[in-house]
């Protein structure tokens, strides 16, 4: 049995209120951005479109109305995300596209690209990396 995934507070609350799949959808849609939870939901609210009226209503009731910052989810884990970025860079995908696909900031993509460049220089020259 796998251990439960570590996730930030709001997403954990949504998973407890509804289910993990709903928390994952909210993270994918609003991760790193603000989500407005109205006191009275309307059928055209994006949360209703994404999760359905019943789950969206429960979330708004339990969490309360107002603006909430949705954290970036730890869905794939940072190492897996960086590995995905590295693979995409090897395929000459743009930094912007790699960031969007992997769900990371473009600065993360730039750091991965810089690390790849340093490693390829070391391989080419046969230089040993720093020990400390």
N, C-alpha and C. Protein backbone atom coordinates (compact mmCIF):
# COMPACT_ATOMS: atom_id res chain seq x y z
N UNK A 1 0.86 -1.18 0.00
CA UNK A 1 0.00 0.00 0.00
C UNK A 1 0.90 1.24 0.00
N UNK A 2 0.59 2.19 -0.86
CA UNK A 2 1.42 3.39 -0.95
C UNK A 2 1.05 4.37 0.16
N UNK A 3 2.03 5.19 0.53
CA UNK A 3 1.78 6.19 1.57
C UNK A 3 0.98 7.33 0.97
N UNK A 4 0.19 8.03 1.79
CA UNK A 4 -0.61 9.14 1.26
C UNK A 4 0.29 10.24 0.73
N UNK A 5 -0.18 10.89 -0.32
CA UNK A 5 0.58 11.95 -0.96
C UNK A 5 0.53 13.20 -0.10
N UNK A 6 1.71 13.83 0.11
CA UNK A 6 1.78 15.07 0.85
C UNK A 6 1.22 16.18 -0.03
N UNK A 7 0.30 16.95 0.50
CA UNK A 7 -0.26 18.05 -0.28
C UNK A 7 -0.55 19.24 0.62
N UNK A 8 -0.51 20.43 0.05
CA UNK A 8 -0.75 21.64 0.83
C UNK A 8 -2.15 21.69 1.43
N UNK A 9 -2.31 22.50 2.48
CA UNK A 9 -3.53 22.58 3.28
C UNK A 9 -4.85 22.67 2.55
N UNK A 10 -5.01 23.62 1.65
CA UNK A 10 -6.28 23.78 0.95
C UNK A 10 -6.63 22.55 0.14
N UNK A 11 -5.65 22.01 -0.56
CA UNK A 11 -5.92 20.82 -1.37
C UNK A 11 -6.24 19.61 -0.49
N UNK A 12 -5.59 19.54 0.65
CA UNK A 12 -5.88 18.46 1.60
C UNK A 12 -7.32 18.59 2.10
N UNK A 13 -7.73 19.83 2.39
CA UNK A 13 -9.11 20.07 2.85
C UNK A 13 -10.12 19.67 1.77
N UNK A 14 -9.84 20.03 0.53
CA UNK A 14 -10.75 19.67 -0.57
C UNK A 14 -10.83 18.16 -0.72
N UNK A 15 -9.69 17.47 -0.59
CA UNK A 15 -9.68 16.01 -0.69
C UNK A 15 -10.51 15.38 0.43
N UNK A 16 -10.43 15.94 1.63
CA UNK A 16 -11.22 15.42 2.75
C UNK A 16 -12.70 15.71 2.60
N UNK A 17 -13.02 16.90 2.10
CA UNK A 17 -14.42 17.31 1.92
C UNK A 17 -15.09 16.52 0.80
N UNK A 18 -14.37 16.33 -0.30
CA UNK A 18 -14.94 15.65 -1.46
C UNK A 18 -14.18 14.36 -1.72
N UNK A 19 -13.14 14.43 -2.54
CA UNK A 19 -12.30 13.27 -2.83
C UNK A 19 -10.98 13.75 -3.44
N UNK A 20 -10.03 12.85 -3.56
CA UNK A 20 -8.70 13.21 -4.06
C UNK A 20 -8.75 13.67 -5.51
N UNK A 21 -9.60 13.04 -6.31
CA UNK A 21 -9.71 13.43 -7.73
C UNK A 21 -10.14 14.89 -7.86
N UNK A 22 -11.05 15.33 -7.02
CA UNK A 22 -11.49 16.73 -7.06
C UNK A 22 -10.37 17.68 -6.67
N UNK A 23 -9.60 17.32 -5.64
CA UNK A 23 -8.46 18.14 -5.23
C UNK A 23 -7.44 18.23 -6.36
N UNK A 24 -7.22 17.11 -7.05
CA UNK A 24 -6.27 17.11 -8.18
C UNK A 24 -6.76 18.01 -9.31
N UNK A 25 -8.06 17.99 -9.58
CA UNK A 25 -8.61 18.85 -10.63
C UNK A 25 -8.49 20.33 -10.27
N UNK A 26 -8.75 20.65 -9.01
CA UNK A 26 -8.63 22.04 -8.55
C UNK A 26 -7.17 22.49 -8.66
N UNK A 27 -6.24 21.62 -8.26
CA UNK A 27 -4.81 21.96 -8.34
C UNK A 27 -4.39 22.16 -9.79
N UNK A 28 -4.86 21.31 -10.67
CA UNK A 28 -4.49 21.43 -12.09
C UNK A 28 -5.06 22.72 -12.69
N UNK A 29 -6.24 23.10 -12.30
CA UNK A 29 -6.91 24.27 -12.87
C UNK A 29 -6.40 25.59 -12.27
N UNK A 30 -6.21 25.63 -10.92
CA UNK A 30 -5.89 26.90 -10.25
C UNK A 30 -4.56 26.90 -9.51
N UNK A 31 -3.78 25.85 -9.59
CA UNK A 31 -2.53 25.78 -8.83
C UNK A 31 -1.65 26.99 -9.05
N UNK A 32 -1.27 27.65 -7.94
CA UNK A 32 -0.44 28.84 -8.02
C UNK A 32 -1.22 30.11 -8.30
N UNK A 33 -2.54 29.99 -8.31
CA UNK A 33 -3.38 31.17 -8.60
C UNK A 33 -4.51 31.28 -7.58
N UNK A 34 -5.22 32.38 -7.64
CA UNK A 34 -6.33 32.63 -6.73
C UNK A 34 -7.64 32.10 -7.32
N UNK A 35 -8.40 31.45 -6.47
CA UNK A 35 -9.74 30.96 -6.83
C UNK A 35 -10.75 31.71 -5.98
N UNK A 36 -11.76 32.29 -6.62
CA UNK A 36 -12.82 32.97 -5.88
C UNK A 36 -13.94 31.98 -5.60
N UNK A 37 -14.26 31.82 -4.32
CA UNK A 37 -15.37 30.98 -3.91
C UNK A 37 -16.52 31.89 -3.51
N UNK A 38 -17.58 31.92 -4.30
CA UNK A 38 -18.70 32.81 -3.99
C UNK A 38 -19.57 32.27 -2.86
N UNK A 39 -20.29 33.16 -2.21
CA UNK A 39 -21.22 32.74 -1.16
C UNK A 39 -22.37 31.95 -1.77
N UNK A 40 -22.77 32.34 -2.98
CA UNK A 40 -23.84 31.62 -3.69
C UNK A 40 -23.32 31.27 -5.08
N UNK A 41 -23.17 29.98 -5.30
CA UNK A 41 -22.65 29.50 -6.58
C UNK A 41 -23.67 29.63 -7.69
N UNK A 42 -23.19 29.94 -8.87
CA UNK A 42 -24.03 29.94 -10.06
C UNK A 42 -23.58 28.79 -10.95
N UNK A 43 -24.46 28.34 -11.81
CA UNK A 43 -24.16 27.17 -12.65
C UNK A 43 -23.02 27.41 -13.63
N UNK A 44 -22.70 28.68 -13.92
CA UNK A 44 -21.63 28.94 -14.88
C UNK A 44 -20.26 29.17 -14.20
N UNK A 45 -20.19 29.02 -12.87
CA UNK A 45 -18.91 29.14 -12.18
C UNK A 45 -18.02 27.97 -12.60
N UNK A 46 -16.76 28.24 -12.83
CA UNK A 46 -15.83 27.22 -13.33
C UNK A 46 -15.72 26.03 -12.38
N UNK A 47 -15.82 26.24 -11.08
CA UNK A 47 -15.75 25.15 -10.12
C UNK A 47 -16.93 24.18 -10.31
N UNK A 48 -18.09 24.73 -10.60
CA UNK A 48 -19.28 23.90 -10.87
C UNK A 48 -19.08 23.11 -12.16
N UNK A 49 -18.55 23.79 -13.19
CA UNK A 49 -18.30 23.12 -14.47
C UNK A 49 -17.28 21.99 -14.31
N UNK A 50 -16.30 22.20 -13.44
CA UNK A 50 -15.22 21.24 -13.27
C UNK A 50 -15.62 20.05 -12.39
N UNK A 51 -16.30 20.33 -11.27
CA UNK A 51 -16.59 19.28 -10.28
C UNK A 51 -18.05 18.88 -10.16
N UNK A 52 -18.92 19.70 -10.70
CA UNK A 52 -20.35 19.45 -10.51
C UNK A 52 -20.88 20.30 -9.38
N UNK A 53 -22.18 20.55 -9.41
CA UNK A 53 -22.79 21.48 -8.45
C UNK A 53 -22.71 20.96 -7.02
N UNK A 54 -22.87 19.66 -6.80
CA UNK A 54 -22.87 19.13 -5.44
C UNK A 54 -21.51 19.30 -4.76
N UNK A 55 -20.43 18.89 -5.42
CA UNK A 55 -19.10 19.00 -4.83
C UNK A 55 -18.69 20.46 -4.68
N UNK A 56 -18.98 21.27 -5.68
CA UNK A 56 -18.62 22.70 -5.62
C UNK A 56 -19.34 23.38 -4.46
N UNK A 57 -20.60 23.05 -4.25
CA UNK A 57 -21.39 23.64 -3.17
C UNK A 57 -20.81 23.25 -1.81
N UNK A 58 -20.45 21.99 -1.66
CA UNK A 58 -19.87 21.52 -0.40
C UNK A 58 -18.55 22.22 -0.12
N UNK A 59 -17.72 22.38 -1.13
CA UNK A 59 -16.43 23.06 -0.96
C UNK A 59 -16.65 24.51 -0.51
N UNK A 60 -17.55 25.23 -1.19
CA UNK A 60 -17.81 26.63 -0.83
C UNK A 60 -18.37 26.73 0.59
N UNK A 61 -19.23 25.80 0.96
CA UNK A 61 -19.84 25.83 2.30
C UNK A 61 -18.80 25.55 3.38
N UNK A 62 -17.97 24.56 3.17
CA UNK A 62 -16.99 24.16 4.18
C UNK A 62 -15.80 25.12 4.28
N UNK A 63 -15.33 25.61 3.15
CA UNK A 63 -14.15 26.49 3.15
C UNK A 63 -14.55 27.94 3.37
N UNK A 64 -15.72 28.31 2.89
CA UNK A 64 -16.19 29.68 3.04
C UNK A 64 -15.99 30.47 1.76
N UNK A 65 -16.68 31.59 1.66
CA UNK A 65 -16.58 32.40 0.45
C UNK A 65 -15.39 33.35 0.53
N UNK A 66 -14.96 33.77 -0.65
CA UNK A 66 -13.84 34.71 -0.74
C UNK A 66 -12.75 34.17 -1.63
N UNK A 67 -11.67 34.92 -1.71
CA UNK A 67 -10.52 34.51 -2.52
C UNK A 67 -9.64 33.56 -1.72
N UNK A 68 -9.25 32.45 -2.34
CA UNK A 68 -8.32 31.51 -1.72
C UNK A 68 -7.18 31.25 -2.69
N UNK A 69 -5.98 31.20 -2.16
CA UNK A 69 -4.81 30.89 -2.98
C UNK A 69 -4.69 29.37 -3.06
N UNK A 70 -4.73 28.84 -4.27
CA UNK A 70 -4.60 27.40 -4.47
C UNK A 70 -3.11 27.11 -4.66
N UNK A 71 -2.54 26.31 -3.78
CA UNK A 71 -1.11 26.02 -3.91
C UNK A 71 -0.83 25.09 -5.08
N UNK A 72 0.41 25.11 -5.52
CA UNK A 72 0.83 24.14 -6.53
C UNK A 72 0.80 22.78 -5.86
N UNK A 73 0.24 21.82 -6.52
CA UNK A 73 0.15 20.49 -5.95
C UNK A 73 1.47 19.75 -6.07
N UNK A 74 1.67 18.82 -5.17
CA UNK A 74 2.85 17.96 -5.22
C UNK A 74 2.46 16.68 -5.95
N UNK A 75 1.64 16.82 -7.01
CA UNK A 75 1.06 15.66 -7.69
C UNK A 75 2.11 14.70 -8.22
N UNK A 76 3.10 15.20 -8.90
CA UNK A 76 4.10 14.31 -9.48
C UNK A 76 5.38 14.29 -8.66
N UNK A 77 5.52 15.21 -7.75
CA UNK A 77 6.75 15.30 -6.99
C UNK A 77 7.78 16.11 -7.76
N UNK A 78 8.60 16.88 -7.05
CA UNK A 78 9.53 17.76 -7.73
C UNK A 78 10.56 17.03 -8.60
N UNK A 79 11.05 15.88 -8.16
CA UNK A 79 12.04 15.16 -8.96
C UNK A 79 11.46 14.68 -10.28
N UNK A 80 10.24 14.16 -10.24
CA UNK A 80 9.60 13.69 -11.47
C UNK A 80 9.33 14.85 -12.43
N UNK A 81 8.95 15.98 -11.87
CA UNK A 81 8.68 17.15 -12.71
C UNK A 81 9.97 17.64 -13.38
N UNK A 82 11.05 17.69 -12.62
CA UNK A 82 12.34 18.12 -13.21
C UNK A 82 12.82 17.13 -14.26
N UNK A 83 12.60 15.84 -14.00
CA UNK A 83 12.99 14.83 -14.98
C UNK A 83 12.19 15.01 -16.27
N UNK A 84 10.88 15.28 -16.12
CA UNK A 84 10.04 15.53 -17.29
C UNK A 84 10.54 16.75 -18.06
N UNK A 85 10.89 17.82 -17.33
CA UNK A 85 11.42 19.03 -17.97
C UNK A 85 12.69 18.69 -18.75
N UNK A 86 13.60 17.94 -18.13
CA UNK A 86 14.86 17.57 -18.78
C UNK A 86 14.60 16.78 -20.06
N UNK A 87 13.67 15.85 -20.01
CA UNK A 87 13.33 15.06 -21.21
C UNK A 87 12.77 15.95 -22.30
N UNK A 88 11.91 16.91 -21.92
CA UNK A 88 11.32 17.80 -22.91
C UNK A 88 12.39 18.72 -23.53
N UNK A 89 13.33 19.18 -22.71
CA UNK A 89 14.40 20.03 -23.23
C UNK A 89 15.28 19.25 -24.20
N UNK A 90 15.49 17.96 -23.92
CA UNK A 90 16.25 17.11 -24.84
C UNK A 90 15.55 16.99 -26.19
N UNK A 91 14.24 17.18 -26.21
CA UNK A 91 13.45 17.11 -27.44
C UNK A 91 13.24 18.49 -28.05
N UNK A 92 13.99 19.48 -27.57
CA UNK A 92 13.94 20.86 -28.07
C UNK A 92 12.57 21.53 -27.91
N UNK A 93 11.87 21.18 -26.84
CA UNK A 93 10.61 21.85 -26.52
C UNK A 93 10.96 23.21 -25.90
N UNK A 94 10.17 24.23 -26.17
CA UNK A 94 10.45 25.56 -25.63
C UNK A 94 10.35 25.55 -24.10
N UNK A 95 11.04 26.49 -23.46
CA UNK A 95 11.00 26.60 -22.00
C UNK A 95 9.57 26.82 -21.52
N UNK A 96 8.85 27.67 -22.22
CA UNK A 96 7.48 27.99 -21.83
C UNK A 96 6.58 26.75 -21.89
N UNK A 97 6.70 26.00 -22.96
CA UNK A 97 5.89 24.79 -23.12
C UNK A 97 6.27 23.73 -22.09
N UNK A 98 7.56 23.59 -21.82
CA UNK A 98 8.02 22.62 -20.82
C UNK A 98 7.47 22.98 -19.44
N UNK A 99 7.49 24.26 -19.10
CA UNK A 99 6.97 24.72 -17.81
C UNK A 99 5.48 24.44 -17.70
N UNK A 100 4.74 24.75 -18.75
CA UNK A 100 3.29 24.53 -18.73
C UNK A 100 2.96 23.06 -18.59
N UNK A 101 3.61 22.23 -19.37
CA UNK A 101 3.32 20.79 -19.37
C UNK A 101 3.69 20.14 -18.03
N UNK A 102 4.84 20.52 -17.47
CA UNK A 102 5.30 19.91 -16.23
C UNK A 102 4.68 20.55 -14.98
N UNK A 103 4.03 21.69 -15.16
CA UNK A 103 3.41 22.36 -14.02
C UNK A 103 4.42 23.02 -13.10
N UNK A 104 5.47 23.60 -13.70
CA UNK A 104 6.49 24.29 -12.93
C UNK A 104 6.67 25.71 -13.45
N UNK A 105 7.40 26.50 -12.72
CA UNK A 105 7.71 27.87 -13.12
C UNK A 105 8.78 27.85 -14.22
N UNK A 106 8.78 28.84 -15.07
CA UNK A 106 9.79 28.90 -16.13
C UNK A 106 11.20 29.00 -15.56
N UNK A 107 11.36 29.59 -14.36
CA UNK A 107 12.68 29.64 -13.72
C UNK A 107 13.18 28.22 -13.41
N UNK A 108 12.28 27.34 -13.04
CA UNK A 108 12.67 25.95 -12.79
C UNK A 108 13.21 25.33 -14.07
N UNK A 109 12.54 25.60 -15.19
CA UNK A 109 12.99 25.08 -16.49
C UNK A 109 14.37 25.65 -16.82
N UNK A 110 14.57 26.93 -16.56
CA UNK A 110 15.87 27.55 -16.83
C UNK A 110 16.98 26.93 -15.97
N UNK A 111 16.67 26.61 -14.71
CA UNK A 111 17.67 25.97 -13.85
C UNK A 111 18.01 24.56 -14.35
N UNK A 112 17.00 23.82 -14.78
CA UNK A 112 17.24 22.48 -15.32
C UNK A 112 18.09 22.57 -16.58
N UNK A 113 17.78 23.53 -17.45
CA UNK A 113 18.54 23.70 -18.69
C UNK A 113 20.00 24.06 -18.38
N UNK A 114 20.22 24.93 -17.41
CA UNK A 114 21.59 25.31 -17.03
C UNK A 114 22.35 24.11 -16.47
N UNK A 115 21.68 23.30 -15.68
CA UNK A 115 22.32 22.11 -15.11
C UNK A 115 22.69 21.13 -16.23
N UNK A 116 21.78 20.95 -17.19
CA UNK A 116 22.07 20.06 -18.32
C UNK A 116 23.28 20.56 -19.10
N UNK A 117 23.36 21.86 -19.27
CA UNK A 117 24.49 22.45 -20.02
C UNK A 117 25.80 22.21 -19.28
N UNK A 118 25.81 22.41 -17.95
CA UNK A 118 27.02 22.16 -17.16
C UNK A 118 27.44 20.70 -17.25
N UNK A 119 26.47 19.79 -17.13
CA UNK A 119 26.78 18.36 -17.18
C UNK A 119 27.31 17.94 -18.55
N UNK A 120 26.75 18.50 -19.60
CA UNK A 120 27.22 18.12 -20.94
C UNK A 120 28.65 18.65 -21.18
N UNK A 121 28.99 19.84 -20.62
CA UNK A 121 30.35 20.37 -20.73
C UNK A 121 31.33 19.45 -20.01
N UNK A 122 30.95 18.99 -18.82
CA UNK A 122 31.82 18.09 -18.06
C UNK A 122 32.07 16.79 -18.82
N UNK A 123 31.01 16.26 -19.42
CA UNK A 123 31.14 15.02 -20.18
C UNK A 123 32.09 15.23 -21.36
N UNK A 124 31.92 16.36 -22.03
CA UNK A 124 32.73 16.65 -23.22
C UNK A 124 34.21 16.81 -22.88
N UNK A 125 34.50 17.41 -21.73
CA UNK A 125 35.90 17.66 -21.37
C UNK A 125 36.46 16.56 -20.47
N UNK A 126 35.59 15.69 -19.96
CA UNK A 126 36.05 14.64 -19.07
C UNK A 126 36.38 15.17 -17.69
N UNK A 127 35.92 16.38 -17.37
CA UNK A 127 36.21 17.00 -16.08
C UNK A 127 35.40 16.34 -14.97
N UNK A 128 36.02 16.27 -13.80
CA UNK A 128 35.34 15.72 -12.64
C UNK A 128 34.53 16.83 -11.98
N UNK A 129 33.38 16.48 -11.46
CA UNK A 129 32.55 17.47 -10.79
C UNK A 129 33.13 17.87 -9.45
N UNK A 130 32.55 18.89 -8.85
CA UNK A 130 32.99 19.34 -7.52
C UNK A 130 32.67 18.27 -6.49
N UNK A 131 33.58 18.07 -5.56
CA UNK A 131 33.37 17.10 -4.50
C UNK A 131 32.59 17.69 -3.34
N UNK A 132 32.77 18.96 -3.10
CA UNK A 132 32.06 19.61 -1.99
C UNK A 132 31.33 20.81 -2.46
